[in-house]
Structures are given as C-alpha cells and as structure tokens.
C-alpha cells in the first residue's frame, strides 16, 4: 500500500522540487555564475548572515527534509535498496542538477547543498528500512 502511494507521488514531488530549485521562491537568472566550494563553512557563513535564525533553520533543515523521500527509491528501483548504490546514484544526480543551476545561472552550485541533500536521502533510507521492518503488511 505504501509502495503504491510512493510510486504515484514521487514523480510529481520530483517535478515540484525541481521547480523550486530553478524557479521557486522568486528566483531570477543571476548576472554571474556562482560557485561555493567551501563545504560546511559556506553554510556557517550563510547562517551567520541570515536575517533570522528561523530562516536559517528553515533553509538548512529544508535541504535535508525535502530530499528524504528519495531514500525510498529502492521501492521503485530494486538496485537502490543498497545504501552504497543509492548514495552513488543520488550524488551523481544532485551534482548534475547543481551544475545545471550553475550553468543556467538559476541558482548556485553549492557543495553544502549536495552534502545536506545526501544526508536527507540517507535519513530517508534509514526510515525506509525501519518502516519495512516494523510495518511489513503496509509496505506491500
């Protein structure tokens, strides 16, 4: 039951997320291509420069939570039931998306986004495993 719901919802969810990454929240094409390659430090500096802690928390936690559903991709693609395969595939895909943001100038290529998004996928994977173990009947 859960797998069927997931299969129905993940494609529109992915499209919505891509919309947010390229056009959402009032994004406009930037004059310059921006790249931040200082992992963790760029997020710390972002948080320090934020208008409020609430905004910083929302953005940082959002980068994790919004990608948790991709930890369940093993339900669609059995090869992604292994964490190593899932993480390799996801990091490859999110790096391509970040590069598209950079080259289209509709966002910033940020290593921190890749790390936070991947952490979200990892948490989603752990939740998926827990759900499969505890609620075997509903997962089918």
N, C-alpha and C. Protein backbone atom coordinates (compact mmCIF):
# COMPACT_ATOMS: atom_id res chain seq x y z
N UNK A 1 0.81 -1.19 0.00
CA UNK A 1 0.00 0.00 0.00
C UNK A 1 0.86 1.26 0.00
N UNK A 2 1.84 1.32 0.90
CA UNK A 2 2.74 2.47 0.93
C UNK A 2 3.55 2.59 -0.36
N UNK A 3 3.99 1.45 -0.87
CA UNK A 3 4.77 1.45 -2.10
C UNK A 3 3.95 2.01 -3.26
N UNK A 4 2.69 1.64 -3.33
CA UNK A 4 1.83 2.14 -4.40
C UNK A 4 1.65 3.65 -4.29
N UNK A 5 1.43 4.13 -3.09
CA UNK A 5 1.30 5.57 -2.87
C UNK A 5 2.59 6.28 -3.25
N UNK A 6 3.72 5.72 -2.85
CA UNK A 6 5.02 6.30 -3.17
C UNK A 6 5.22 6.39 -4.68
N UNK A 7 4.87 5.32 -5.39
CA UNK A 7 5.04 5.29 -6.84
C UNK A 7 4.20 6.37 -7.52
N UNK A 8 3.05 6.67 -6.97
CA UNK A 8 2.18 7.69 -7.54
C UNK A 8 2.70 9.10 -7.24
N UNK A 9 3.21 9.32 -6.05
CA UNK A 9 3.54 10.67 -5.59
C UNK A 9 4.96 11.12 -5.92
N UNK A 10 5.91 10.20 -6.13
CA UNK A 10 7.31 10.61 -6.25
C UNK A 10 7.60 11.41 -7.53
N UNK A 11 6.94 11.11 -8.63
CA UNK A 11 7.21 11.87 -9.87
C UNK A 11 6.72 13.31 -9.74
N UNK A 12 5.46 13.55 -9.33
CA UNK A 12 5.06 14.96 -9.16
C UNK A 12 5.89 15.67 -8.09
N UNK A 13 6.27 14.95 -7.04
CA UNK A 13 7.10 15.55 -6.00
C UNK A 13 8.45 15.97 -6.57
N UNK A 14 9.04 15.13 -7.39
CA UNK A 14 10.33 15.45 -8.01
C UNK A 14 10.21 16.66 -8.92
N UNK A 15 9.15 16.73 -9.70
CA UNK A 15 8.93 17.88 -10.59
C UNK A 15 8.77 19.15 -9.75
N UNK A 16 8.00 19.06 -8.67
CA UNK A 16 7.83 20.22 -7.77
C UNK A 16 9.15 20.66 -7.19
N UNK A 17 9.97 19.72 -6.75
CA UNK A 17 11.27 20.04 -6.17
C UNK A 17 12.19 20.70 -7.20
N UNK A 18 12.18 20.18 -8.43
CA UNK A 18 12.98 20.80 -9.49
C UNK A 18 12.50 22.21 -9.78
N UNK A 19 11.19 22.41 -9.76
CA UNK A 19 10.64 23.75 -9.93
C UNK A 19 11.20 24.69 -8.86
N UNK A 20 11.15 24.24 -7.60
CA UNK A 20 11.67 25.07 -6.50
C UNK A 20 13.16 25.38 -6.68
N UNK A 21 13.91 24.38 -7.15
CA UNK A 21 15.36 24.55 -7.28
C UNK A 21 15.74 25.53 -8.39
N UNK A 22 14.88 25.66 -9.40
CA UNK A 22 15.23 26.52 -10.52
C UNK A 22 14.39 27.80 -10.61
N UNK A 23 13.14 27.74 -10.20
CA UNK A 23 12.26 28.88 -10.42
C UNK A 23 11.55 29.36 -9.16
N UNK A 24 11.49 28.53 -8.14
CA UNK A 24 10.72 28.86 -6.94
C UNK A 24 11.33 29.96 -6.10
N UNK A 25 10.53 30.45 -5.20
CA UNK A 25 10.94 31.47 -4.23
C UNK A 25 11.48 32.73 -4.91
N UNK A 26 10.89 33.09 -6.01
CA UNK A 26 11.27 34.34 -6.68
C UNK A 26 12.62 34.32 -7.37
N UNK A 27 13.12 33.17 -7.73
CA UNK A 27 14.43 33.10 -8.39
C UNK A 27 14.39 33.79 -9.74
N UNK A 28 15.46 34.48 -10.01
CA UNK A 28 15.67 35.09 -11.32
C UNK A 28 17.08 34.75 -11.76
N UNK A 29 17.28 34.81 -13.06
CA UNK A 29 18.61 34.48 -13.57
C UNK A 29 19.62 35.50 -13.04
N UNK A 30 20.73 34.97 -12.52
CA UNK A 30 21.77 35.82 -11.94
C UNK A 30 22.68 36.37 -13.04
N UNK A 31 23.34 37.45 -12.72
CA UNK A 31 24.27 38.03 -13.68
C UNK A 31 25.52 37.19 -13.84
N UNK A 32 25.96 36.59 -12.75
CA UNK A 32 27.18 35.78 -12.77
C UNK A 32 26.88 34.35 -12.33
N UNK A 33 27.71 33.43 -12.77
CA UNK A 33 27.64 32.06 -12.28
C UNK A 33 28.29 32.05 -10.91
N UNK A 34 27.60 31.48 -9.92
CA UNK A 34 28.13 31.45 -8.57
C UNK A 34 28.42 30.01 -8.16
N UNK A 35 29.54 29.86 -7.45
CA UNK A 35 30.01 28.55 -7.05
C UNK A 35 30.56 28.66 -5.63
N UNK A 36 30.08 27.82 -4.72
CA UNK A 36 30.67 27.79 -3.38
C UNK A 36 31.22 26.39 -3.14
N UNK A 37 32.51 26.35 -2.94
CA UNK A 37 33.20 25.06 -2.81
C UNK A 37 33.80 24.85 -1.43
N UNK A 38 33.43 25.67 -0.47
CA UNK A 38 33.97 25.52 0.89
C UNK A 38 32.93 24.78 1.73
N UNK A 39 32.99 23.44 1.73
CA UNK A 39 31.98 22.69 2.48
C UNK A 39 31.90 23.13 3.93
N UNK A 40 30.72 23.15 4.43
CA UNK A 40 30.35 23.49 5.80
C UNK A 40 30.56 24.98 6.09
N UNK A 41 31.69 25.54 5.73
CA UNK A 41 31.96 26.95 6.02
C UNK A 41 30.96 27.86 5.31
N UNK A 42 30.59 27.53 4.09
CA UNK A 42 29.64 28.39 3.38
C UNK A 42 28.28 28.36 4.07
N UNK A 43 27.88 27.23 4.61
CA UNK A 43 26.61 27.16 5.34
C UNK A 43 26.71 27.91 6.65
N UNK A 44 27.83 27.79 7.35
CA UNK A 44 28.02 28.53 8.60
C UNK A 44 27.98 30.03 8.32
N UNK A 45 28.66 30.47 7.28
CA UNK A 45 28.64 31.89 6.92
C UNK A 45 27.25 32.34 6.51
N UNK A 46 26.52 31.47 5.81
CA UNK A 46 25.15 31.79 5.42
C UNK A 46 24.28 31.99 6.66
N UNK A 47 24.40 31.07 7.62
CA UNK A 47 23.60 31.14 8.85
C UNK A 47 23.93 32.42 9.61
N UNK A 48 25.20 32.77 9.68
CA UNK A 48 25.61 33.99 10.39
C UNK A 48 25.01 35.23 9.73
N UNK A 49 24.95 35.21 8.40
CA UNK A 49 24.45 36.38 7.67
C UNK A 49 22.96 36.40 7.45
N UNK A 50 22.26 35.41 7.96
CA UNK A 50 20.81 35.31 7.76
C UNK A 50 20.09 36.38 8.56
N UNK A 51 18.94 36.76 8.06
CA UNK A 51 18.13 37.76 8.74
C UNK A 51 17.68 37.24 10.11
N UNK A 52 17.29 35.97 10.15
CA UNK A 52 16.86 35.39 11.43
C UNK A 52 17.30 33.93 11.50
N UNK A 53 17.39 33.44 12.72
CA UNK A 53 17.73 32.04 12.92
C UNK A 53 16.64 31.15 12.36
N UNK A 54 15.41 31.64 12.43
CA UNK A 54 14.28 30.88 11.91
C UNK A 54 14.45 30.63 10.41
N UNK A 55 14.85 31.65 9.66
CA UNK A 55 15.07 31.50 8.22
C UNK A 55 16.22 30.54 7.94
N UNK A 56 17.30 30.70 8.69
CA UNK A 56 18.48 29.84 8.50
C UNK A 56 18.11 28.39 8.79
N UNK A 57 17.39 28.15 9.89
CA UNK A 57 16.97 26.80 10.26
C UNK A 57 16.08 26.21 9.17
N UNK A 58 15.14 27.00 8.69
CA UNK A 58 14.21 26.54 7.66
C UNK A 58 14.95 26.13 6.40
N UNK A 59 15.92 26.88 5.98
CA UNK A 59 16.65 26.59 4.75
C UNK A 59 17.57 25.38 4.93
N UNK A 60 18.32 25.33 6.01
CA UNK A 60 19.26 24.22 6.23
C UNK A 60 18.49 22.93 6.44
N UNK A 61 17.49 22.94 7.31
CA UNK A 61 16.71 21.73 7.57
C UNK A 61 15.90 21.37 6.32
N UNK A 62 15.42 22.37 5.60
CA UNK A 62 14.69 22.11 4.35
C UNK A 62 15.53 21.35 3.35
N UNK A 63 16.81 21.69 3.27
CA UNK A 63 17.72 20.99 2.36
C UNK A 63 17.86 19.52 2.73
N UNK A 64 17.62 19.19 3.96
CA UNK A 64 17.69 17.79 4.40
C UNK A 64 16.33 17.12 4.22
N UNK A 65 15.30 17.71 4.80
CA UNK A 65 13.97 17.09 4.84
C UNK A 65 13.37 16.92 3.44
N UNK A 66 13.56 17.90 2.57
CA UNK A 66 12.95 17.83 1.24
C UNK A 66 13.48 16.66 0.40
N UNK A 67 14.64 16.15 0.77
CA UNK A 67 15.22 15.06 -0.02
C UNK A 67 15.08 13.69 0.64
N UNK A 68 14.47 13.65 1.81
CA UNK A 68 14.27 12.36 2.48
C UNK A 68 13.44 11.37 1.66
N UNK A 69 12.42 11.81 0.92
CA UNK A 69 11.64 10.84 0.13
C UNK A 69 12.48 10.05 -0.89
N UNK A 70 13.61 10.60 -1.30
CA UNK A 70 14.45 9.89 -2.27
C UNK A 70 15.20 8.72 -1.63
N UNK A 71 15.18 8.63 -0.31
CA UNK A 71 15.73 7.47 0.38
C UNK A 71 14.89 6.22 0.18
N UNK A 72 13.67 6.40 -0.33
CA UNK A 72 12.75 5.30 -0.57
C UNK A 72 12.80 4.81 -2.02
N UNK A 73 13.72 5.33 -2.83
CA UNK A 73 13.77 4.97 -4.25
C UNK A 73 13.96 3.47 -4.50
N UNK A 74 14.45 2.75 -3.52
CA UNK A 74 14.59 1.30 -3.65
C UNK A 74 13.25 0.62 -3.89
N UNK A 75 12.16 1.27 -3.51
CA UNK A 75 10.84 0.71 -3.77
C UNK A 75 10.51 0.75 -5.27
N UNK A 76 11.11 1.67 -5.99
CA UNK A 76 10.89 1.75 -7.44
C UNK A 76 11.98 1.02 -8.21
N UNK A 77 13.20 1.16 -7.74
CA UNK A 77 14.37 0.60 -8.41
C UNK A 77 15.09 -0.32 -7.43
N UNK A 78 14.87 -1.63 -7.53
CA UNK A 78 15.45 -2.57 -6.55
C UNK A 78 16.97 -2.45 -6.39
N UNK A 79 17.68 -2.01 -7.40
CA UNK A 79 19.12 -1.84 -7.27
C UNK A 79 19.50 -0.76 -6.26
N UNK A 80 18.55 0.12 -5.95
CA UNK A 80 18.82 1.20 -5.00
C UNK A 80 18.42 0.82 -3.57
N UNK A 81 18.16 -0.46 -3.33
CA UNK A 81 17.90 -0.93 -1.98
C UNK A 81 19.17 -1.02 -1.15
N UNK A 82 20.30 -0.91 -1.79
CA UNK A 82 21.60 -0.92 -1.11
C UNK A 82 22.07 0.52 -0.96
N UNK A 83 22.46 0.89 0.24
CA UNK A 83 22.82 2.28 0.54
C UNK A 83 23.91 2.80 -0.38
N UNK A 84 24.92 1.98 -0.64
CA UNK A 84 26.03 2.42 -1.49
C UNK A 84 25.54 2.80 -2.88
N UNK A 85 24.69 1.97 -3.48
CA UNK A 85 24.16 2.27 -4.81
C UNK A 85 23.28 3.52 -4.78
N UNK A 86 22.45 3.63 -3.76
CA UNK A 86 21.56 4.78 -3.64
C UNK A 86 22.36 6.08 -3.51
N UNK A 87 23.34 6.09 -2.63
CA UNK A 87 24.13 7.30 -2.42
C UNK A 87 24.92 7.66 -3.67
N UNK A 88 25.53 6.68 -4.32
CA UNK A 88 26.28 6.96 -5.54
C UNK A 88 25.37 7.55 -6.62
N UNK A 89 24.20 6.94 -6.81
CA UNK A 89 23.26 7.42 -7.82
C UNK A 89 22.75 8.81 -7.47
N UNK A 90 22.40 9.01 -6.21
CA UNK A 90 21.87 10.31 -5.81
C UNK A 90 22.92 11.41 -5.92
N UNK A 91 24.13 11.16 -5.44
CA UNK A 91 25.17 12.18 -5.51
C UNK A 91 25.45 12.54 -6.97
N UNK A 92 25.45 11.56 -7.85
CA UNK A 92 25.64 11.84 -9.28
C UNK A 92 24.52 12.73 -9.80
N UNK A 93 23.27 12.39 -9.47
CA UNK A 93 22.13 13.16 -9.97
C UNK A 93 22.09 14.57 -9.39
N UNK A 94 22.32 14.72 -8.10
CA UNK A 94 22.23 16.04 -7.48
C UNK A 94 23.40 16.92 -7.94
N UNK A 95 24.54 16.32 -8.22
CA UNK A 95 25.67 17.09 -8.75
C UNK A 95 25.33 17.63 -10.14
N UNK A 96 24.68 16.83 -10.95
CA UNK A 96 24.25 17.29 -12.28
C UNK A 96 23.24 18.43 -12.14
N UNK A 97 22.32 18.30 -11.21
CA UNK A 97 21.32 19.36 -11.00
C UNK A 97 21.98 20.64 -10.51
N UNK A 98 22.91 20.52 -9.58
CA UNK A 98 23.65 21.69 -9.10
C UNK A 98 24.43 22.34 -10.25
N UNK A 99 25.02 21.52 -11.11
CA UNK A 99 25.75 22.05 -12.27
C UNK A 99 24.80 22.78 -13.21
N UNK A 100 23.60 22.23 -13.41
CA UNK A 100 22.61 22.90 -14.25
C UNK A 100 22.20 24.24 -13.64
N UNK A 101 22.10 24.31 -12.34
CA UNK A 101 21.82 25.59 -11.69
C UNK A 101 22.95 26.58 -11.98
N UNK A 102 24.16 26.10 -11.90
CA UNK A 102 25.33 26.95 -12.14
C UNK A 102 25.35 27.46 -13.58
N UNK A 103 25.22 26.55 -14.54
CA UNK A 103 25.33 26.94 -15.95
C UNK A 103 24.13 27.74 -16.44
N UNK A 104 22.96 27.50 -15.86
CA UNK A 104 21.79 28.28 -16.25
C UNK A 104 21.71 29.60 -15.47
N UNK A 105 22.54 29.74 -14.46
CA UNK A 105 22.57 30.89 -13.56
C UNK A 105 21.24 31.07 -12.83
N UNK A 106 20.53 29.96 -12.63
CA UNK A 106 19.26 29.98 -11.90
C UNK A 106 19.46 29.47 -10.47
N UNK A 107 20.67 29.52 -10.01
CA UNK A 107 20.99 29.07 -8.66
C UNK A 107 22.48 29.06 -8.50
N UNK A 108 22.92 28.53 -7.39
CA UNK A 108 24.34 28.49 -7.05
C UNK A 108 24.75 27.04 -6.92
N UNK A 109 25.90 26.68 -7.49
CA UNK A 109 26.46 25.35 -7.27
C UNK A 109 27.07 25.35 -5.88
N UNK A 110 26.45 24.62 -4.96
CA UNK A 110 26.94 24.59 -3.59
C UNK A 110 27.23 23.16 -3.15
N UNK A 111 28.44 22.93 -2.74
CA UNK A 111 28.83 21.61 -2.23
C UNK A 111 28.01 21.29 -0.98
N UNK A 112 27.72 22.30 -0.17
CA UNK A 112 26.91 22.07 1.04
C UNK A 112 25.52 21.54 0.69
N UNK A 113 24.94 22.04 -0.39
CA UNK A 113 23.63 21.52 -0.81
C UNK A 113 23.73 20.03 -1.12
N UNK A 114 24.78 19.64 -1.80
CA UNK A 114 24.98 18.22 -2.12
C UNK A 114 25.10 17.41 -0.84
N UNK A 115 25.88 17.90 0.11
CA UNK A 115 26.06 17.19 1.39
C UNK A 115 24.75 17.11 2.18
N UNK A 116 24.05 18.23 2.31
CA UNK A 116 22.80 18.24 3.08
C UNK A 116 21.73 17.40 2.40
N UNK A 117 21.61 17.51 1.08
CA UNK A 117 20.62 16.71 0.35
C UNK A 117 20.92 15.23 0.48
N UNK A 118 22.18 14.86 0.39
CA UNK A 118 22.58 13.45 0.52
C UNK A 118 22.31 12.96 1.94
N UNK A 119 22.53 13.79 2.93
CA UNK A 119 22.20 13.41 4.30
C UNK A 119 20.70 13.15 4.43
N UNK A 120 19.88 13.97 3.75
CA UNK A 120 18.44 13.75 3.73
C UNK A 120 18.08 12.41 3.12
N UNK A 121 18.74 12.05 2.02
CA UNK A 121 18.50 10.75 1.38
C UNK A 121 18.89 9.62 2.33
N UNK A 122 20.01 9.79 3.01
CA UNK A 122 20.46 8.79 3.98
C UNK A 122 19.42 8.61 5.09
N UNK A 123 18.92 9.71 5.64
CA UNK A 123 17.88 9.60 6.68
C UNK A 123 16.62 8.93 6.13
N UNK A 124 16.24 9.28 4.91
CA UNK A 124 15.09 8.63 4.27
C UNK A 124 15.30 7.14 4.12
N UNK A 125 16.51 6.75 3.75
CA UNK A 125 16.85 5.33 3.61
C UNK A 125 16.70 4.61 4.95
N UNK A 126 17.17 5.24 6.04
CA UNK A 126 17.04 4.63 7.37
C UNK A 126 15.57 4.50 7.76
N UNK A 127 14.78 5.51 7.45
CA UNK A 127 13.35 5.45 7.76
C UNK A 127 12.69 4.34 6.95
N UNK A 128 13.05 4.23 5.68
CA UNK A 128 12.50 3.17 4.81
C UNK A 128 12.79 1.80 5.40
N UNK A 129 14.02 1.57 5.81
CA UNK A 129 14.40 0.28 6.39
C UNK A 129 13.58 0.01 7.67
N UNK A 130 13.42 1.04 8.49
CA UNK A 130 12.65 0.90 9.72
C UNK A 130 11.19 0.59 9.41
N UNK A 131 10.61 1.29 8.45
CA UNK A 131 9.22 1.06 8.06
C UNK A 131 9.05 -0.36 7.53
N UNK A 132 9.99 -0.81 6.72
CA UNK A 132 9.90 -2.17 6.16
C UNK A 132 9.95 -3.23 7.25
N UNK A 133 10.76 -2.99 8.27
CA UNK A 133 10.88 -3.97 9.35
C UNK A 133 9.67 -3.98 10.27
N UNK A 134 9.13 -2.81 10.55
CA UNK A 134 8.05 -2.71 11.54
C UNK A 134 6.65 -2.86 10.95
N UNK A 135 6.47 -2.45 9.71
CA UNK A 135 5.13 -2.42 9.13
C UNK A 135 5.10 -3.19 7.81
N UNK A 136 5.60 -4.40 7.87
CA UNK A 136 5.72 -5.24 6.68
C UNK A 136 4.40 -5.34 5.90
N UNK A 137 3.29 -5.43 6.60
CA UNK A 137 1.99 -5.60 5.95
C UNK A 137 1.63 -4.39 5.08
N UNK A 138 1.91 -3.16 5.57
CA UNK A 138 1.52 -1.93 4.87
C UNK A 138 2.45 -1.58 3.72
N UNK A 139 3.65 -2.11 3.73
CA UNK A 139 4.64 -1.77 2.72
C UNK A 139 4.33 -2.44 1.40
N UNK A 140 3.69 -3.57 1.42
CA UNK A 140 3.44 -4.35 0.19
C UNK A 140 2.50 -3.69 -0.76
